[in-house]
C-alpha atoms as a PDB file:
ATOM      1  CA  MET A   1       6.107   8.740  -6.079  1.00  0.00           C
ATOM      2  CA  ARG A   2       5.769   7.986  -2.374  1.00  0.00           C
ATOM      3  CA  LYS A   3       2.635   6.150  -1.311  1.00  0.00           C
ATOM      4  CA  PHE A   4       1.042   7.381   1.892  1.00  0.00           C
ATOM      5  CA  LYS A   5      -1.388   5.489   4.111  1.00  0.00           C
ATOM      6  CA  LEU A   6      -4.012   6.405   6.697  1.00  0.00           C
ATOM      7  CA  LEU A   7      -3.377   5.727  10.380  1.00  0.00           C
ATOM      8  CA  ILE A   8      -6.650   4.409  11.779  1.00  0.00           C
ATOM      9  CA  ASN A   9      -6.843   2.918  15.257  1.00  0.00           C
ATOM     10  CA  GLY A  10      -3.087   2.323  15.383  1.00  0.00           C
ATOM     11  CA  LYS A  11      -2.884   0.600  11.986  1.00  0.00           C
ATOM     12  CA  LEU A  12      -1.628   1.885   8.647  1.00  0.00           C
ATOM     13  CA  VAL A  13      -4.236   1.218   5.974  1.00  0.00           C
ATOM     14  CA  SER A  14      -4.669   2.124   2.337  1.00  0.00           C
ATOM     15  CA  GLY A  15      -7.466   4.552   1.662  1.00  0.00           C
ATOM     16  CA  GLY A  16     -10.608   3.569  -0.170  1.00  0.00           C
ATOM     17  CA  ALA A  17      -9.513   5.970  -2.935  1.00  0.00           C
ATOM     18  CA  ARG A  18      -6.589   8.234  -3.810  1.00  0.00           C
ATOM     19  CA  LEU A  19      -6.463  12.006  -4.063  1.00  0.00           C
ATOM     20  CA  ASP A  20      -3.895  13.904  -6.117  1.00  0.00           C
ATOM     21  CA  VAL A  21      -2.138  16.754  -4.280  1.00  0.00           C
ATOM     22  CA  ILE A  22      -1.368  19.311  -6.973  1.00  0.00           C
ATOM     23  CA  ASN A  23       1.048  22.232  -7.083  1.00  0.00           C
ATOM     24  CA  PRO A  24      -1.330  25.074  -8.019  1.00  0.00           C
ATOM     25  CA  ALA A  25       1.415  27.008  -9.812  1.00  0.00           C
ATOM     26  CA  THR A  26       2.517  24.223 -12.148  1.00  0.00           C
ATOM     27  CA  GLU A  27      -0.403  21.790 -11.926  1.00  0.00           C
ATOM     28  CA  GLU A  28       2.186  19.061 -11.254  1.00  0.00           C
ATOM     29  CA  VAL A  29       0.965  16.155  -9.124  1.00  0.00           C
ATOM     30  CA  LEU A  30       3.173  16.245  -6.025  1.00  0.00           C
ATOM     31  CA  VAL A  31       1.903  13.146  -4.226  1.00  0.00           C
ATOM     32  CA  GLU A  32      -1.086  10.844  -4.084  1.00  0.00           C
ATOM     33  CA  ALA A  33      -2.808  11.065  -0.727  1.00  0.00           C
ATOM     34  CA  PRO A  34      -5.060   8.332   0.612  1.00  0.00           C
ATOM     35  CA  ARG A  35      -8.736   9.196   0.866  1.00  0.00           C
ATOM     36  CA  ALA A  36     -10.834   7.422   3.464  1.00  0.00           C
ATOM     37  CA  ASP A  37     -14.091   5.840   2.460  1.00  0.00           C
ATOM     38  CA  ARG A  38     -17.165   6.184   4.706  1.00  0.00           C
ATOM     39  CA  ALA A  39     -16.391   3.024   6.728  1.00  0.00           C
ATOM     40  CA  GLN A  40     -12.789   4.138   7.328  1.00  0.00           C
ATOM     41  CA  LEU A  41     -13.975   7.588   8.359  1.00  0.00           C
ATOM     42  CA  ASN A  42     -16.429   6.107  10.863  1.00  0.00           C
ATOM     43  CA  GLU A  43     -13.728   3.775  12.228  1.00  0.00           C
ATOM     44  CA  ALA A  44     -11.294   6.691  12.638  1.00  0.00           C
ATOM     45  CA  ILE A  45     -13.900   8.808  14.431  1.00  0.00           C
ATOM     46  CA  ALA A  46     -14.802   5.949  16.780  1.00  0.00           C
ATOM     47  CA  ALA A  47     -11.114   5.302  17.557  1.00  0.00           C
ATOM     48  CA  ALA A  48     -10.479   9.010  18.230  1.00  0.00           C
ATOM     49  CA  LYS A  49     -13.487   9.264  20.549  1.00  0.00           C
ATOM     50  CA  ALA A  50     -12.363   6.177  22.455  1.00  0.00           C
ATOM     51  CA  ALA A  51      -8.785   7.463  22.810  1.00  0.00           C
ATOM     52  CA  PHE A  52      -9.611  11.044  23.739  1.00  0.00           C
ATOM     53  CA  PRO A  53     -10.211  10.632  27.517  1.00  0.00           C
ATOM     54  CA  ALA A  54      -6.810   9.000  28.105  1.00  0.00           C
ATOM     55  CA  TRP A  55      -5.062  11.332  25.661  1.00  0.00           C
ATOM     56  CA  GLY A  56      -6.501  14.423  27.319  1.00  0.00           C
ATOM     57  CA  THR A  57      -5.292  13.441  30.783  1.00  0.00           C
ATOM     58  CA  SER A  58      -1.782  12.364  29.729  1.00  0.00           C
ATOM     59  CA  GLY A  59       1.058  14.840  30.053  1.00  0.00           C
ATOM     60  CA  LYS A  60       2.793  16.408  27.093  1.00  0.00           C
ATOM     61  CA  GLY A  61       5.866  14.191  27.614  1.00  0.00           C
ATOM     62  CA  MET A  62       3.715  11.076  27.293  1.00  0.00           C
ATOM     63  CA  ARG A  63       1.931  12.452  24.224  1.00  0.00           C
ATOM     64  CA  ALA A  64       5.313  13.202  22.602  1.00  0.00           C
ATOM     65  CA  LYS A  65       6.472   9.611  23.229  1.00  0.00           C
ATOM     66  CA  ILE A  66       3.263   8.247  21.742  1.00  0.00           C
ATOM     67  CA  LEU A  67       3.564  10.417  18.637  1.00  0.00           C
ATOM     68  CA  GLU A  68       7.258   9.594  18.190  1.00  0.00           C
ATOM     69  CA  SER A  69       6.483   5.867  18.310  1.00  0.00           C
ATOM     70  CA  SER A  70       3.678   6.226  15.765  1.00  0.00           C
ATOM     71  CA  PRO A  71       3.884   3.861  12.774  1.00  0.00           C
ATOM     72  CA  CYS A  72       3.719   6.944  10.550  1.00  0.00           C
ATOM     73  CA  VAL A  73       6.880   8.403  12.049  1.00  0.00           C
ATOM     74  CA  GLN A  74       8.711   5.086  12.422  1.00  0.00           C
ATOM     75  CA  GLY A  75       7.801   3.885   8.934  1.00  0.00           C
ATOM     76  CA  GLY A  76       8.602   7.191   7.280  1.00  0.00           C
ATOM     77  CA  VAL A  77       5.179   7.504   5.697  1.00  0.00           C
ATOM     78  CA  ALA A  78       4.386  10.956   7.040  1.00  0.00           C
ATOM     79  CA  PRO A  79       5.428  13.803   4.753  1.00  0.00           C
ATOM     80  CA  GLY A  80       8.289  15.739   6.278  1.00  0.00           C
ATOM     81  CA  PRO A  81       9.640  19.219   5.652  1.00  0.00           C
ATOM     82  CA  GLU A  82      11.473  17.914   2.568  1.00  0.00           C
ATOM     83  CA  ILE A  83       8.207  17.983   0.633  1.00  0.00           C
ATOM     84  CA  GLY A  84       8.303  21.790   0.662  1.00  0.00           C
ATOM     85  CA  ARG A  85      11.887  21.891  -0.584  1.00  0.00           C
ATOM     86  CA  GLN A  86      11.304  19.185  -3.158  1.00  0.00           C
ATOM     87  CA  TYR A  87       8.138  20.757  -4.549  1.00  0.00           C
ATOM     88  CA  PRO A  88       8.207  24.510  -3.975  1.00  0.00           C
ATOM     89  CA  ILE A  89       4.767  26.046  -4.220  1.00  0.00           C
ATOM     90  CA  ASN A  90       5.194  29.336  -6.014  1.00  0.00           C
ATOM     91  CA  ARG A  91       1.899  30.984  -6.850  1.00  0.00           C
ATOM     92  CA  PRO A  92      -1.708  29.916  -7.223  1.00  0.00           C
ATOM     93  CA  ARG A  93      -2.662  28.786 -10.727  1.00  0.00           C
ATOM     94  CA  SER A  94      -4.963  31.817 -11.131  1.00  0.00           C
ATOM     95  CA  LEU A  95      -2.013  34.187 -10.599  1.00  0.00           C
ATOM     96  CA  VAL A  96       0.196  32.168 -12.934  1.00  0.00           C
ATOM     97  CA  LYS A  97      -2.440  32.538 -15.665  1.00  0.00           C
ATOM     98  CA  ILE A  98      -2.758  36.281 -15.016  1.00  0.00           C
ATOM     99  CA  PHE A  99       1.010  36.847 -15.112  1.00  0.00           C
ATOM    100  CA  SER A 100       1.413  34.581 -18.152  1.00  0.00           C
ATOM    101  CA  ALA A 101      -1.286  36.480 -20.019  1.00  0.00           C
ATOM    102  CA  ALA A 102       0.351  39.819 -19.164  1.00  0.00           C
ATOM    103  CA  SER A 103       3.756  38.739 -20.527  1.00  0.00           C
END
């Protein structure tokens, strides 16, 4: 299973905890997502507030370059479209139970 990290202030960090991302139709764990603790959340908010003025005045070409050079994109840690093909989400668990009971 791929391990994802948080991008906080330009650095990839492990979360303070992990969170299972579950397919609601099968209840299969698709991936473990990092979950920020309070300190990480505060650090991320502070970094975003500090970066916002420059980000807001940069053009879309510059923003695209910044995003493309992100450690998440370069390191392959961001989930791509393959996650949807690899783990198709069919129906919510509640509907699966209803249809299963009707069969």
